[in-house]
Amino acid sequence: MPTWPVQDAKARFSEMLDVCLNDGAQVISRRGVDAAVLVPIDEWRRLQGDAPTLKDLLLSDFARADFQIPARGGRRRRHGVIFD
């Protein structure tokens, strides 16, 4: 993925947009560190459609199905002392 420094991205935004639409996502960097990505709208919509919302995760049976609670043993522990 090509990287555009933020100064170039600002000065040549139309060119960056054309490259994005023709070649795919473009990375924008600030002070040499990747900061953002410009993606075509179709790809953005696809990515948004694939991601479940927090509400979906909390209400799904799958979210709770993998949580295993271990069986309690016959021993109890109180303040570091084991009672049988």
Protein backbone atom coordinates (compact mmCIF):
# COMPACT_ATOMS: atom_id res chain seq x y z
CA MET A 1 0.00 0.00 0.00
CA PRO A 2 1.52 3.34 -0.99
CA THR A 3 2.13 5.87 1.79
CA TRP A 4 1.49 9.59 1.45
CA PRO A 5 2.98 12.06 3.94
CA VAL A 6 0.19 14.24 5.31
CA GLN A 7 1.62 17.33 3.58
CA ASP A 8 1.43 15.59 0.17
CA ALA A 9 -2.00 14.15 0.93
CA LYS A 10 -3.31 17.65 1.68
CA ALA A 11 -1.64 19.32 -1.30
CA ARG A 12 -2.52 16.57 -3.80
CA PHE A 13 -5.79 15.22 -2.39
CA SER A 14 -7.51 14.90 -5.79
CA GLU A 15 -4.59 12.87 -7.12
CA MET A 16 -4.55 10.69 -3.99
CA LEU A 17 -8.29 10.10 -4.36
CA ASP A 18 -7.89 9.09 -8.01
CA VAL A 19 -5.09 6.66 -7.10
CA CYS A 20 -7.27 5.26 -4.31
CA LEU A 21 -10.21 4.67 -6.66
CA ASN A 22 -7.98 3.06 -9.31
CA ASP A 23 -5.43 1.16 -7.21
CA GLY A 24 -7.03 0.68 -3.79
CA ALA A 25 -6.35 1.88 -0.27
CA GLN A 26 -3.78 4.61 0.39
CA VAL A 27 -1.96 5.14 3.70
CA ILE A 28 -1.43 8.64 5.10
CA SER A 29 1.49 9.15 7.48
CA ARG A 30 2.28 11.89 9.97
CA ARG A 31 5.91 12.39 10.99
CA GLY A 32 6.80 9.05 9.41
CA VAL A 33 4.16 7.07 11.34
CA ASP A 34 1.12 5.56 9.59
CA ALA A 35 -1.91 7.53 10.79
CA ALA A 36 -4.88 6.85 8.50
CA VAL A 37 -6.06 4.99 5.42
CA LEU A 38 -8.14 6.28 2.52
CA VAL A 39 -10.22 3.43 1.07
CA PRO A 40 -12.78 3.32 -1.75
CA ILE A 41 -16.38 3.57 -0.50
CA ASP A 42 -17.30 0.07 -1.72
CA GLU A 43 -14.50 -1.46 0.34
CA TRP A 44 -15.51 0.66 3.37
CA ARG A 45 -19.13 -0.52 3.11
CA ARG A 46 -17.97 -4.14 2.81
CA LEU A 47 -15.81 -3.78 5.90
CA GLN A 48 -18.62 -2.14 7.85
CA GLY A 49 -21.05 -4.89 6.84
CA ASP A 50 -18.72 -7.65 8.02
CA ALA A 51 -18.19 -6.26 11.51
CA PRO A 52 -20.76 -7.16 14.18
CA THR A 53 -21.90 -4.41 16.53
CA LEU A 54 -21.35 -4.62 20.28
CA LYS A 55 -25.09 -5.14 20.69
CA ASP A 56 -24.98 -8.10 18.28
CA LEU A 57 -22.09 -9.65 20.21
CA LEU A 58 -23.74 -9.25 23.61
CA LEU A 59 -27.07 -10.67 22.45
CA SER A 60 -25.67 -13.62 20.53
CA ASP A 61 -25.53 -17.12 22.02
CA PHE A 62 -22.06 -17.57 20.55
CA ALA A 63 -20.64 -14.81 22.75
CA ARG A 64 -21.55 -16.74 25.91
CA ALA A 65 -21.13 -20.32 24.65
CA ASP A 66 -17.34 -20.53 25.01
CA PHE A 67 -17.24 -19.35 28.62
CA GLN A 68 -16.42 -22.38 30.77
CA ILE A 69 -16.68 -22.20 34.57
CA PRO A 70 -14.48 -24.80 36.24
CA ALA A 71 -16.14 -27.11 38.77
CA ARG A 72 -15.44 -26.28 42.39
CA GLY A 73 -13.36 -28.75 44.27
CA GLY A 74 -14.06 -30.10 47.73
CA ARG A 75 -11.55 -27.73 49.28
CA ARG A 76 -12.19 -24.19 50.41
CA ARG A 77 -9.50 -21.58 50.80
CA ARG A 78 -9.74 -18.81 53.34
CA HIS A 79 -6.91 -16.32 53.95
CA GLY A 80 -4.29 -18.65 52.49
CA VAL A 81 -5.27 -21.67 54.62
CA ILE A 82 -6.80 -24.73 52.92
CA PHE A 83 -9.74 -26.37 54.72
CA ASP A 84 -10.82 -29.93 53.88
